[in-house]
Amino acid sequence: MIENKKNTFSIKSNLIDIVAKEIYAAELIIENNKIGSITKISEKVSTYILPGFVDAHVHVESSMLVPSEFARIAVTHGTVGTISDPHEIANVLGVAGVDYMIDNAKQVPFHFYFGAPSCVPATNFETAGAVIDSNDIDKLLSRKEIVYLAEMMNFPGVIYKDEEVLKKLASAKKHNKPVDGHAPGLMGDDMKHYFNAGITTDHECFGYIEALEKLQHGVKVLIREGSAAKNFETLISLLKDYPEQIMFCCDDKHPDNLIESHINDHVKRALKEGHDLYNVLRAASYNVVKHYNLPIGLVQLGDHADFIEIDNLQDFTILKTYINGNLVAEKGNSFIKSVDSPIVNNFNCSLKQASDFKLKSESDRIRVIECLDGQLITDELCVASYNVDGFEESNVEQDILKIAVVNRYSDAPIAKAFIKNIGLKQGAIASCVAHDCHNIVAVGTNDEDMCKAVNLIIKAKGGISLANGNEELVLELPIAGIMTNQAAEEVAEAYTKLDKRAKALGSKLRAPYMSLSFMALLVIPELKLSDKGLFNGKSFQFTDVFVK
């Protein structure tokens, strides 16, 4: 809900008009929360005003904060709105989870625009806490709070015309709402079939040639820079030739990174690399507003007064953020208040034993997930097994560690495999912020510490954890097992402590927990692990840990 204080005031500054592509000194009169007048002035002014930033694709839940708390921090970075896909909480709680996000978001002055989660569960090869079918999608898309069909991850279903997938796409067309894409690495004829089905965007491009081919096909490409997936450096050069088709997004931001920056980081980096000012600012606001047909203001006469004030075009420091004519942040201080958030959850598994994590050896070679720092994609390796008394163990010296996924929704056998590049020399880490089904994923050097790390999360009914002998740390996430009602600063401090300890135990990853959270995301190739087993994202089928 955007507050409607009928305030009237004026502001004099250099106006960066990204519609007309010009800069001039102006006096703006804000009346009834809108831009009442814009008058050019001759006097010298020192600051600049411009449209507030809009994140073109984000999962608010990945910040571990509820929407109201996410907004409280985001406005300090000049963000006034988000295109928010609530499929993380939807995979836990279904439509009730979407409603939870919408209801919480209404309590603060911020432009949240939610999508209908298209893939709940993301695949049939994992256990989720809920199902959202085509009938649910149609009902969601009929609601004014839902402005688009969220990322269609089931690209095989689109290409091979799965009946349920086609019904969801048809609902989006019926309600005249855009469809977001999710097609990492998809090129050639398959890419064309996928986007010709009415899908208009993709935030999963990890290669320049891939993104270029999609742009040439007319796709809007979102340049992502999140806590784990970082594609800015690879893709930003495309902004010069395709300025109308580029948008900026963060996708997934952990709380420590959100405290530091948001879309303003994209803007600063792009400008530092010499990109055209208007192209950059349009990617951060205008292109998003136009693509999704949002009522967010662009500092034009009659628009809602959604804008930011900065110091200069070199440092680009956010001085003030206004939403609907209300000052919501100034010089790093947010005026949005934290709100009480009720606890909702779906966590039904029992505590585990260390013996549950044992894996009996079946061959002298194993398939291994190769984690790639800064990417969601993984590679598949085949290496010699590490057999100890008939059981496969972590080979710490070779950085081949055991990974496990524990079904959080019911008691079931634990899925086990192996992963490279996590880097731990001691202990174990675990998280049930594990896309998309949010089962518990754990990696460790030994079964005992893995079991302890998992049990810390089970006891808390959600969280991220670390165990190393007698050392046990946990950040509890009681809301759906993936968010907390704590203040962002407290969450960031607790998360930073866990992050530093994981690195102290040997991890070389920039964001160990964020990287861990994607190791169960089956729709991103190549090799991932679900609660049902090791999965090949290219062939879209299960594969064996052991090479026979």
Protein backbone atom coordinates (compact mmCIF):
# COMPACT_ATOMS: atom_id res chain seq x y z
CA MET A 1 0.00 0.00 0.00
CA ILE A 2 1.43 3.37 -0.99
CA GLU A 3 0.65 6.04 1.60
CA ASN A 4 -1.47 8.94 0.39
CA LYS A 5 -0.43 11.95 2.40
CA LYS A 6 -1.75 14.93 0.45
CA ASN A 7 1.48 16.88 0.81
CA THR A 8 2.52 19.75 -1.43
CA PHE A 9 6.11 20.90 -1.76
CA SER A 10 8.65 22.05 -4.31
CA ILE A 11 12.16 20.91 -5.12
CA LYS A 12 14.83 22.60 -7.23
CA SER A 13 17.45 20.41 -8.84
CA ASN A 14 18.93 19.34 -12.15
CA LEU A 15 16.30 17.12 -13.70
CA ILE A 16 17.56 14.07 -15.58
CA ASP A 17 14.70 13.51 -18.01
CA ILE A 18 15.26 9.97 -19.25
CA VAL A 19 12.21 10.15 -21.51
CA ALA A 20 13.31 13.23 -23.46
CA LYS A 21 16.98 12.42 -22.82
CA GLU A 22 18.02 15.83 -21.53
CA ILE A 23 19.23 17.44 -18.32
CA TYR A 24 18.20 20.90 -17.15
CA ALA A 25 17.74 22.89 -13.95
CA ALA A 26 14.12 22.75 -12.88
CA GLU A 27 11.67 23.39 -10.12
CA LEU A 28 9.21 20.59 -9.51
CA ILE A 29 5.96 21.12 -7.63
CA ILE A 30 4.64 17.94 -6.00
CA GLU A 31 0.89 18.12 -5.40
CA ASN A 32 -1.31 15.31 -4.10
CA ASN A 33 1.57 12.82 -4.44
CA LYS A 34 2.09 13.59 -8.14
CA ILE A 35 4.29 15.81 -10.28
CA GLY A 36 2.08 18.90 -10.52
CA SER A 37 4.42 21.03 -12.56
CA ILE A 38 7.94 21.10 -14.02
CA THR A 39 9.45 24.52 -14.72
CA LYS A 40 12.88 25.21 -16.19
CA ILE A 41 14.88 27.66 -14.08
CA SER A 42 18.03 29.67 -14.70
CA GLU A 43 19.52 29.51 -11.23
CA LYS A 44 22.38 27.15 -10.50
CA VAL A 45 21.52 24.00 -8.54
CA SER A 46 23.93 21.36 -7.31
CA THR A 47 22.02 18.09 -7.08
CA TYR A 48 20.19 15.89 -9.62
CA ILE A 49 16.79 14.21 -9.55
CA LEU A 50 15.81 11.20 -11.63
CA PRO A 51 13.38 8.26 -11.60
CA GLY A 52 13.80 5.78 -8.78
CA PHE A 53 15.23 2.35 -9.60
CA VAL A 54 13.13 -0.75 -10.21
CA ASP A 55 14.53 -4.27 -9.82
CA ALA A 56 13.31 -6.14 -12.91
CA HIS A 57 13.40 -9.56 -11.27
CA VAL A 58 13.88 -10.48 -7.64
CA HIS A 59 12.87 -13.13 -5.16
CA VAL A 60 12.38 -11.08 -2.01
CA GLU A 61 12.49 -14.27 0.05
CA SER A 62 16.16 -14.79 -0.86
CA SER A 63 17.05 -11.76 1.23
CA MET A 64 15.67 -13.80 4.16
CA LEU A 65 13.52 -10.73 4.88
CA VAL A 66 9.78 -10.24 4.54
CA PRO A 67 8.79 -7.66 1.88
CA SER A 68 8.25 -4.82 4.35
CA GLU A 69 11.77 -5.23 5.73
CA PHE A 70 13.28 -5.65 2.26
CA ALA A 71 11.68 -2.34 1.27
CA ARG A 72 13.02 -0.61 4.38
CA ILE A 73 16.58 -1.29 3.19
CA ALA A 74 16.09 -1.07 -0.59
CA VAL A 75 14.88 2.54 -0.48
CA THR A 76 18.20 3.67 0.99
CA HIS A 77 19.78 2.61 -2.33
CA GLY A 78 17.27 4.50 -4.45
CA THR A 79 15.00 1.56 -5.25
CA VAL A 80 11.31 2.42 -5.40
CA GLY A 81 9.88 -0.81 -6.79
CA THR A 82 10.42 -4.45 -7.69
CA ILE A 83 9.12 -7.08 -10.05
CA SER A 84 8.86 -9.80 -7.41
CA ASP A 85 8.45 -13.51 -8.10
CA PRO A 86 7.11 -15.16 -4.91
CA HIS A 87 7.74 -18.72 -6.07
CA GLU A 88 10.10 -19.43 -3.16
CA ILE A 89 7.37 -19.13 -0.56
CA ALA A 90 4.85 -20.58 -3.02
CA ASN A 91 6.88 -23.80 -3.19
CA VAL A 92 6.47 -24.04 0.57
CA LEU A 93 2.91 -22.79 1.12
CA GLY A 94 1.25 -22.49 -2.29
CA VAL A 95 -1.18 -19.65 -3.03
CA ALA A 96 -1.34 -18.89 0.71
CA GLY A 97 2.35 -17.99 0.51
CA VAL A 98 1.70 -15.56 -2.35
CA ASP A 99 -1.06 -13.94 -0.30
CA TYR A 100 1.31 -13.63 2.65
CA MET A 101 3.80 -11.67 0.55
CA ILE A 102 1.12 -9.38 -0.89
CA ASP A 103 -0.43 -8.68 2.51
CA ASN A 104 2.93 -7.88 4.11
CA ALA A 105 3.98 -5.69 1.18
CA LYS A 106 0.84 -3.55 1.50
CA GLN A 107 1.97 -2.34 4.91
CA VAL A 108 4.81 -0.14 3.63
CA PRO A 109 5.21 2.70 1.08
CA PHE A 110 6.96 0.79 -1.70
CA HIS A 111 5.95 -0.43 -5.17
CA PHE A 112 5.87 -4.24 -5.02
CA TYR A 113 4.54 -5.93 -8.15
CA PHE A 114 4.11 -9.67 -7.78
CA GLY A 115 3.88 -12.42 -10.36
CA ALA A 116 1.94 -15.67 -10.47
CA PRO A 117 4.53 -18.43 -9.82
CA SER A 118 4.42 -20.60 -12.93
CA CYS A 119 6.37 -23.61 -11.68
CA VAL A 120 5.27 -24.86 -8.27
CA PRO A 121 6.89 -27.31 -7.98
CA ALA A 122 9.60 -26.39 -10.46
CA THR A 123 9.80 -30.01 -11.62
CA ASN A 124 8.28 -33.38 -10.77
CA PHE A 125 11.70 -34.65 -9.74
CA GLU A 126 11.67 -33.10 -6.26
CA THR A 127 9.38 -32.71 -3.27
CA ALA A 128 7.75 -29.34 -2.67
CA GLY A 129 5.33 -28.24 0.01
CA ALA A 130 2.57 -27.24 -2.40
CA VAL A 131 1.27 -27.29 -5.97
CA ILE A 132 -0.03 -24.36 -8.00
CA ASP A 133 -1.80 -25.70 -11.07
CA SER A 134 -3.15 -23.97 -14.18
CA ASN A 135 -6.50 -23.26 -12.49
CA ASP A 136 -4.70 -21.53 -9.62
CA ILE A 137 -2.60 -19.57 -12.14
CA ASP A 138 -5.70 -18.35 -13.94
CA LYS A 139 -7.24 -17.14 -10.68
CA LEU A 140 -4.02 -15.41 -9.65
CA LEU A 141 -3.62 -13.66 -13.01
CA SER A 142 -7.17 -12.32 -12.74
CA ARG A 143 -6.12 -10.32 -9.66
CA LYS A 144 -4.89 -6.72 -9.99
CA GLU A 145 -2.04 -7.39 -7.53
CA ILE A 146 -0.56 -9.95 -9.94
CA VAL A 147 0.98 -8.20 -12.95
CA TYR A 148 2.71 -11.03 -14.82
CA LEU A 149 3.27 -14.77 -15.13
CA ALA A 150 6.53 -15.40 -13.31
CA GLU A 151 9.55 -17.16 -14.78
CA MET A 152 8.59 -20.20 -16.84
CA MET A 153 11.38 -22.53 -15.72
CA ASN A 154 9.90 -25.59 -17.36
CA PHE A 155 11.40 -24.87 -20.77
CA PRO A 156 11.09 -28.52 -21.91
CA GLY A 157 7.37 -28.26 -21.12
CA VAL A 158 7.11 -25.20 -23.36
CA ILE A 159 9.14 -26.68 -26.21
CA TYR A 160 7.34 -30.03 -26.17
CA LYS A 161 3.93 -28.47 -25.54
CA ASP A 162 3.03 -29.87 -22.13
CA GLU A 163 -0.72 -29.37 -21.73
CA GLU A 164 -0.53 -27.87 -18.23
CA VAL A 165 2.24 -25.47 -19.24
CA LEU A 166 0.30 -24.32 -22.29
CA LYS A 167 -2.76 -23.62 -20.13
CA LYS A 168 -0.68 -21.33 -17.91
CA LEU A 169 0.66 -19.47 -20.92
CA ALA A 170 -2.85 -19.17 -22.32
CA SER A 171 -4.06 -17.63 -19.06
CA ALA A 172 -1.38 -14.95 -19.27
CA LYS A 173 -2.48 -14.13 -22.80
CA LYS A 174 -6.15 -14.07 -21.75
CA HIS A 175 -5.42 -11.57 -18.96
CA ASN A 176 -3.03 -9.57 -21.16
CA LYS A 177 -0.11 -9.97 -18.78
CA PRO A 178 3.52 -10.56 -19.79
CA VAL A 179 5.38 -13.83 -19.23
CA ASP A 180 8.88 -13.98 -17.76
CA GLY A 181 11.40 -16.47 -19.09
CA HIS A 182 13.99 -18.73 -17.52
CA ALA A 183 16.07 -20.55 -20.12
CA PRO A 184 19.76 -20.79 -19.17
CA GLY A 185 21.94 -21.81 -22.12
CA LEU A 186 18.97 -22.31 -24.45
CA MET A 187 19.91 -21.43 -28.05
CA GLY A 188 19.05 -22.28 -31.64
CA ASP A 189 15.68 -23.71 -32.63
CA ASP A 190 14.76 -24.69 -29.06
CA MET A 191 15.29 -21.09 -27.97
CA LYS A 192 13.04 -19.84 -30.77
CA HIS A 193 10.28 -22.34 -29.93
CA TYR A 194 10.45 -21.34 -26.28
CA PHE A 195 10.18 -17.57 -26.79
CA ASN A 196 7.73 -17.85 -29.66
CA ALA A 197 5.29 -19.27 -27.10
CA GLY A 198 4.77 -15.72 -25.79
CA ILE A 199 7.63 -15.52 -23.30
CA THR A 200 9.32 -12.12 -23.38
CA THR A 201 12.28 -11.96 -20.97
CA ASP A 202 15.23 -13.96 -19.68
CA HIS A 203 17.35 -13.25 -16.60
CA GLU A 204 19.36 -16.48 -16.85
CA CYS A 205 21.80 -15.64 -19.68
CA PHE A 206 25.30 -16.57 -18.52
CA GLY A 207 27.11 -16.24 -21.87
CA TYR A 208 27.55 -13.30 -24.23
CA ILE A 209 26.71 -15.26 -27.41
CA GLU A 210 23.65 -16.76 -25.76
CA ALA A 211 22.36 -13.34 -24.67
CA LEU A 212 23.12 -11.83 -28.08
CA GLU A 213 21.13 -14.51 -29.88
CA LYS A 214 18.17 -13.95 -27.57
CA LEU A 215 18.33 -10.18 -28.03
CA GLN A 216 18.41 -10.61 -31.80
CA HIS A 217 15.28 -12.75 -31.47
CA GLY A 218 13.57 -9.83 -29.69
CA VAL A 219 13.87 -11.09 -26.10
CA LYS A 220 14.33 -8.61 -23.25
CA VAL A 221 17.53 -9.64 -21.43
CA LEU A 222 17.88 -8.86 -17.73
CA ILE A 223 21.46 -8.33 -16.59
CA ARG A 224 21.70 -9.99 -13.20
CA GLU A 225 24.13 -9.26 -10.41
CA GLY A 226 23.09 -11.11 -7.27
CA SER A 227 24.89 -12.61 -4.32
CA ALA A 228 25.82 -15.82 -6.16
CA ALA A 229 24.97 -15.36 -9.85
CA LYS A 230 27.01 -12.52 -11.32
CA ASN A 231 26.55 -11.85 -15.04
CA PHE A 232 27.15 -8.09 -15.19
CA GLU A 233 30.70 -8.19 -16.53
CA THR A 234 29.82 -10.76 -19.19
CA LEU A 235 26.70 -9.01 -20.50
CA ILE A 236 26.95 -5.26 -19.86
CA SER A 237 28.58 -4.50 -23.23
CA LEU A 238 25.27 -5.49 -24.89
CA LEU A 239 23.66 -2.36 -23.46
CA LYS A 240 25.25 -0.18 -26.17
CA ASP A 241 23.58 -1.88 -29.13
CA TYR A 242 20.36 -3.07 -27.42
CA PRO A 243 19.47 -0.27 -24.97
CA GLU A 244 15.70 -0.76 -25.26
CA GLN A 245 15.92 -4.49 -24.49
CA ILE A 246 18.14 -4.45 -21.40
CA MET A 247 16.93 -4.32 -17.79
CA PHE A 248 18.81 -4.64 -14.51
CA CYS A 249 17.97 -7.16 -11.80
CA CYS A 250 19.45 -8.74 -8.70
CA ASP A 251 17.37 -11.94 -8.65
CA ASP A 252 18.76 -13.14 -5.31
CA LYS A 253 20.34 -10.87 -2.70
CA HIS A 254 21.38 -12.16 0.70
CA PRO A 255 20.90 -9.68 3.56
CA ASP A 256 24.53 -8.63 3.93
CA ASN A 257 24.71 -7.66 0.25
CA LEU A 258 21.35 -5.88 0.35
CA ILE A 259 22.59 -3.70 3.20
CA GLU A 260 25.49 -2.66 0.94
CA SER A 261 23.74 -2.01 -2.38
CA HIS A 262 20.96 -2.85 -4.79
CA ILE A 263 20.30 -1.70 -8.40
CA ASN A 264 22.41 1.41 -7.69
CA ASP A 265 25.46 -0.87 -7.96
CA HIS A 266 24.54 -1.78 -11.56
CA VAL A 267 24.16 1.91 -12.36
CA LYS A 268 27.45 2.99 -10.84
CA ARG A 269 29.41 0.22 -12.52
CA ALA A 270 27.84 0.75 -15.93
CA LEU A 271 28.53 4.48 -15.81
CA LYS A 272 32.09 3.86 -14.66
CA GLU A 273 32.59 1.67 -17.73
CA GLY A 274 31.54 4.59 -19.92
CA HIS A 275 28.03 3.56 -20.94
CA ASP A 276 25.58 6.23 -22.02
CA LEU A 277 23.82 7.83 -19.03
CA TYR A 278 20.33 7.52 -20.50
CA ASN A 279 20.82 3.90 -21.58
CA VAL A 280 21.94 3.01 -18.06
CA LEU A 281 19.13 4.82 -16.27
CA ARG A 282 16.51 3.43 -18.65
CA ALA A 283 17.73 -0.11 -17.90
CA ALA A 284 17.33 0.69 -14.21
CA SER A 285 13.80 2.12 -14.44
CA TYR A 286 12.15 3.19 -17.72
CA ASN A 287 12.49 -0.14 -19.56
CA VAL A 288 11.04 -2.03 -16.60
CA VAL A 289 8.13 0.36 -16.12
CA LYS A 290 7.23 0.24 -19.81
CA HIS A 291 7.61 -3.53 -20.23
CA TYR A 292 5.34 -4.37 -17.28
CA ASN A 293 3.07 -1.34 -17.78
CA LEU A 294 3.61 -0.13 -14.21
CA PRO A 295 2.16 3.04 -12.68
CA ILE A 296 5.57 3.94 -11.22
CA GLY A 297 6.47 7.55 -11.98
CA LEU A 298 9.27 8.56 -14.35
CA VAL A 299 9.39 12.24 -13.27
CA GLN A 300 7.02 13.35 -16.01
CA LEU A 301 4.17 15.82 -15.58
CA GLY A 302 1.25 14.06 -13.89
CA ASP A 303 3.31 11.03 -12.84
CA HIS A 304 3.35 9.65 -9.32
CA ALA A 305 6.20 11.40 -7.51
CA ASP A 306 8.61 8.45 -7.42
CA PHE A 307 12.14 9.80 -7.72
CA ILE A 308 15.56 10.02 -6.18
CA GLU A 309 17.99 12.85 -5.57
CA ILE A 310 21.72 12.28 -6.05
CA ASP A 311 24.85 14.35 -5.40
CA ASN A 312 26.51 14.23 -8.83
CA LEU A 313 26.91 12.07 -11.93
CA GLN A 314 30.32 10.75 -10.88
CA ASP A 315 29.77 9.46 -7.34
CA PHE A 316 26.03 8.88 -7.80
CA THR A 317 25.40 8.93 -4.04
CA ILE A 318 21.72 8.56 -3.16
CA LEU A 319 20.74 11.58 -1.07
CA LYS A 320 16.96 11.13 -0.90
CA THR A 321 14.32 8.68 -2.10
CA TYR A 322 10.70 9.69 -2.63
CA ILE A 323 7.80 7.30 -3.22
CA ASN A 324 4.42 8.76 -4.09
CA GLY A 325 5.66 12.16 -2.95
CA ASN A 326 6.73 10.89 0.46
CA LEU A 327 10.34 11.04 1.62
CA VAL A 328 11.18 7.41 2.50
CA ALA A 329 14.97 7.60 2.83
CA GLU A 330 17.65 10.24 3.28
CA LYS A 331 21.44 9.85 3.35
CA GLY A 332 21.29 6.13 4.08
CA ASN A 333 18.56 6.38 6.70
CA SER A 334 15.23 4.71 5.97
CA PHE A 335 11.98 6.21 7.23
CA ILE A 336 10.06 3.00 6.60
CA LYS A 337 9.24 1.32 9.89
CA SER A 338 9.59 -2.40 10.59
CA VAL A 339 6.25 -4.17 10.90
CA ASP A 340 5.17 -7.25 12.83
CA SER A 341 5.03 -10.35 10.65
CA PRO A 342 3.12 -13.48 11.71
CA ILE A 343 4.84 -16.88 11.55
CA VAL A 344 3.68 -19.28 8.84
CA ASN A 345 5.50 -22.50 8.02
CA ASN A 346 5.46 -26.02 6.62
CA PHE A 347 8.18 -28.13 8.24
CA ASN A 348 7.45 -31.74 9.11
CA CYS A 349 10.57 -33.91 9.22
CA SER A 350 12.23 -35.60 12.21
CA LEU A 351 15.76 -35.18 13.55
CA LYS A 352 18.39 -37.25 11.74
CA GLN A 353 21.21 -39.59 12.76
CA ALA A 354 24.76 -39.46 11.41
CA SER A 355 24.24 -42.96 9.99
CA ASP A 356 21.48 -41.55 7.74
CA PHE A 357 24.17 -39.75 5.76
CA LYS A 358 26.22 -42.84 4.94
CA LEU A 359 26.50 -43.86 1.29
CA LYS A 360 27.46 -47.43 0.43
CA SER A 361 30.09 -47.69 -2.28
CA GLU A 362 29.02 -49.28 -5.59
CA SER A 363 31.86 -48.37 -7.94
CA ASP A 364 35.39 -46.99 -8.05
CA ARG A 365 34.26 -43.86 -9.92
CA ILE A 366 31.63 -41.26 -9.03
CA ARG A 367 29.85 -38.35 -10.69
CA VAL A 368 30.57 -35.04 -8.98
CA ILE A 369 28.78 -31.68 -9.12
CA GLU A 370 31.32 -28.99 -9.97
CA CYS A 371 30.19 -25.75 -8.34
CA LEU A 372 31.26 -22.65 -10.31
CA ASP A 373 31.77 -19.49 -8.28
CA GLY A 374 29.54 -16.66 -9.46
CA GLN A 375 27.34 -18.95 -11.55
CA LEU A 376 24.18 -21.00 -11.02
CA ILE A 377 25.18 -23.50 -13.67
CA THR A 378 27.39 -26.42 -12.69
CA ASP A 379 29.52 -28.93 -14.53
CA GLU A 380 29.65 -32.71 -14.24
CA LEU A 381 32.91 -34.39 -13.28
CA CYS A 382 33.79 -38.08 -13.07
CA VAL A 383 36.47 -38.85 -10.48
CA ALA A 384 37.86 -41.72 -8.45
CA SER A 385 35.73 -42.63 -5.46
CA TYR A 386 37.00 -42.37 -1.88
CA ASN A 387 35.98 -45.69 -0.32
CA VAL A 388 36.45 -46.15 3.42
CA ASP A 389 35.32 -49.52 4.77
CA GLY A 390 32.78 -49.92 1.99
CA PHE A 391 31.28 -46.43 2.24
CA GLU A 392 31.90 -43.31 0.16
CA GLU A 393 33.36 -40.47 2.20
CA SER A 394 34.33 -36.85 1.60
CA ASN A 395 37.82 -36.53 0.15
CA VAL A 396 38.87 -33.27 1.81
CA GLU A 397 42.33 -33.28 0.24
CA GLN A 398 40.81 -33.32 -3.26
CA ASP A 399 37.93 -30.99 -2.27
CA ILE A 400 35.35 -33.66 -3.15
CA LEU A 401 32.79 -33.28 -0.38
CA LYS A 402 29.58 -35.09 0.37
CA ILE A 403 26.38 -33.19 -0.37
CA ALA A 404 22.96 -34.22 0.94
CA VAL A 405 19.39 -33.04 0.44
CA VAL A 406 16.89 -33.78 3.21
CA ASN A 407 13.13 -33.72 2.56
CA ARG A 408 11.74 -31.13 5.01
CA TYR A 409 8.07 -31.92 4.37
CA SER A 410 8.07 -35.55 5.50
CA ASP A 411 10.47 -38.25 6.65
CA ALA A 412 12.16 -39.88 3.68
CA PRO A 413 15.56 -41.35 2.77
CA ILE A 414 18.27 -38.70 2.43
CA ALA A 415 19.66 -38.10 -1.07
CA LYS A 416 23.47 -38.11 -1.19
CA ALA A 417 26.06 -37.19 -3.81
CA PHE A 418 29.39 -35.33 -4.08
CA ILE A 419 30.41 -31.78 -4.93
CA LYS A 420 33.64 -29.96 -5.77
CA ASN A 421 34.72 -26.35 -5.05
CA ILE A 422 32.84 -25.76 -1.80
CA GLY A 423 36.29 -25.92 -0.26
CA LEU A 424 35.59 -26.78 3.38
CA LYS A 425 38.53 -28.33 5.24
CA GLN A 426 36.52 -28.92 8.40
CA GLY A 427 32.90 -29.09 9.49
CA ALA A 428 29.70 -28.70 7.49
CA ILE A 429 27.24 -26.05 6.34
CA ALA A 430 23.52 -26.42 5.66
CA SER A 431 20.56 -24.36 4.51
CA CYS A 432 16.89 -24.75 3.73
CA VAL A 433 17.02 -21.61 1.62
CA ALA A 434 17.43 -24.08 -1.23
CA HIS A 435 15.77 -23.23 -4.52
CA ASP A 436 13.13 -24.00 -5.41
CA CYS A 437 11.54 -26.48 -3.04
CA HIS A 438 13.51 -25.38 0.02
CA ASN A 439 14.39 -28.77 1.32
CA ILE A 440 17.55 -28.87 3.46
CA VAL A 441 20.82 -28.98 1.52
CA ALA A 442 24.06 -29.69 3.38
CA VAL A 443 27.73 -30.09 2.45
CA GLY A 444 30.39 -31.34 4.82
CA THR A 445 33.67 -33.02 5.48
CA ASN A 446 32.11 -35.73 7.64
CA ASP A 447 28.71 -37.27 8.38
CA GLU A 448 28.62 -36.23 12.04
CA ASP A 449 28.94 -32.51 11.34
CA MET A 450 26.52 -32.73 8.40
CA CYS A 451 23.96 -34.33 10.69
CA LYS A 452 24.45 -31.63 13.34
CA ALA A 453 24.08 -28.84 10.78
CA VAL A 454 20.88 -30.37 9.40
CA ASN A 455 19.39 -30.94 12.86
CA LEU A 456 20.02 -27.30 13.82
CA ILE A 457 17.74 -26.33 10.91
CA ILE A 458 15.11 -28.97 11.73
CA LYS A 459 14.94 -27.76 15.35
CA ALA A 460 14.55 -24.16 14.18
CA LYS A 461 12.05 -25.16 11.45
CA GLY A 462 14.17 -23.30 8.97
CA GLY A 463 17.47 -21.48 8.68
CA ILE A 464 21.11 -21.65 7.68
CA SER A 465 23.67 -23.33 9.89
CA LEU A 466 27.24 -24.43 10.48
CA ALA A 467 28.64 -27.27 12.59
CA ASN A 468 32.25 -28.08 13.36
CA GLY A 469 32.70 -30.46 16.25
CA ASN A 470 31.30 -28.66 19.31
CA GLU A 471 30.78 -25.43 17.36
CA GLU A 472 27.16 -24.94 16.26
CA LEU A 473 25.79 -21.78 14.63
CA VAL A 474 22.33 -21.16 13.20
CA LEU A 475 20.38 -18.24 11.78
CA GLU A 476 16.77 -19.18 12.41
CA LEU A 477 14.27 -18.50 9.60
CA PRO A 478 10.85 -19.38 11.04
CA ILE A 479 8.69 -17.78 8.31
CA ALA A 480 8.17 -20.55 5.74
CA GLY A 481 11.62 -21.77 6.77
CA ILE A 482 13.19 -19.14 4.50
CA MET A 483 12.54 -15.71 6.09
CA THR A 484 12.69 -14.05 9.48
CA ASN A 485 10.78 -11.25 11.18
CA GLN A 486 13.99 -9.80 12.60
CA ALA A 487 15.37 -6.44 11.54
CA ALA A 488 17.53 -6.53 8.42
CA GLU A 489 20.59 -5.28 10.28
CA GLU A 490 20.37 -8.13 12.80
CA VAL A 491 19.89 -10.69 10.05
CA ALA A 492 22.83 -9.30 8.08
CA GLU A 493 25.07 -9.47 11.16
CA ALA A 494 24.12 -13.09 11.90
CA TYR A 495 24.49 -14.05 8.25
CA THR A 496 27.89 -12.36 7.99
CA LYS A 497 29.10 -14.34 11.01
CA LEU A 498 28.10 -17.62 9.37
CA ASP A 499 29.59 -16.55 6.04
CA LYS A 500 32.93 -15.67 7.67
CA ARG A 501 33.04 -18.94 9.60
CA ALA A 502 32.36 -20.98 6.45
CA LYS A 503 35.25 -19.19 4.76
CA ALA A 504 37.45 -19.66 7.81
CA LEU A 505 36.78 -23.41 7.55
CA GLY A 506 38.15 -23.32 4.01
CA SER A 507 35.46 -22.20 1.55
CA LYS A 508 36.84 -19.97 -1.21
CA LEU A 509 33.40 -19.10 -2.63
CA ARG A 510 32.35 -15.46 -2.56
CA ALA A 511 28.97 -16.45 -1.11
CA PRO A 512 29.09 -20.05 0.18
CA TYR A 513 25.51 -20.16 1.43
CA MET A 514 24.04 -18.54 -1.66
CA SER A 515 25.96 -20.96 -3.88
CA LEU A 516 24.78 -23.84 -1.71
CA SER A 517 21.17 -22.72 -2.11
CA PHE A 518 21.32 -23.37 -5.87
CA MET A 519 22.78 -26.87 -5.74
CA ALA A 520 19.26 -28.32 -5.55
CA LEU A 521 17.90 -26.14 -8.39
CA LEU A 522 17.25 -28.78 -11.02
CA VAL A 523 16.20 -26.44 -13.82
CA ILE A 524 19.72 -24.99 -14.04
CA PRO A 525 22.15 -27.39 -15.79
CA GLU A 526 24.19 -29.43 -15.55
CA LEU A 527 24.28 -31.59 -12.42
CA LYS A 528 22.19 -30.92 -9.28
CA LEU A 529 20.82 -32.90 -6.34
CA SER A 530 17.16 -33.07 -5.28
CA ASP A 531 15.70 -34.88 -2.28
CA LYS A 532 14.96 -37.72 -4.73
CA GLY A 533 18.43 -38.08 -6.20
CA LEU A 534 21.16 -36.80 -8.51
CA PHE A 535 19.72 -35.01 -11.54
CA ASN A 536 21.07 -34.08 -14.96
CA GLY A 537 19.61 -30.73 -16.04
CA LYS A 538 20.57 -31.23 -19.69
CA SER A 539 18.89 -34.59 -20.24
CA PHE A 540 16.25 -33.66 -17.62
CA GLN A 541 16.40 -37.01 -15.87
CA PHE A 542 17.95 -38.67 -12.86
CA THR A 543 21.45 -40.07 -13.09
CA ASP A 544 23.48 -42.36 -10.82
CA VAL A 545 26.15 -41.12 -8.43
CA PHE A 546 28.25 -44.13 -9.34
CA VAL A 547 29.75 -44.59 -12.80
CA LYS A 548 29.32 -48.24 -13.65
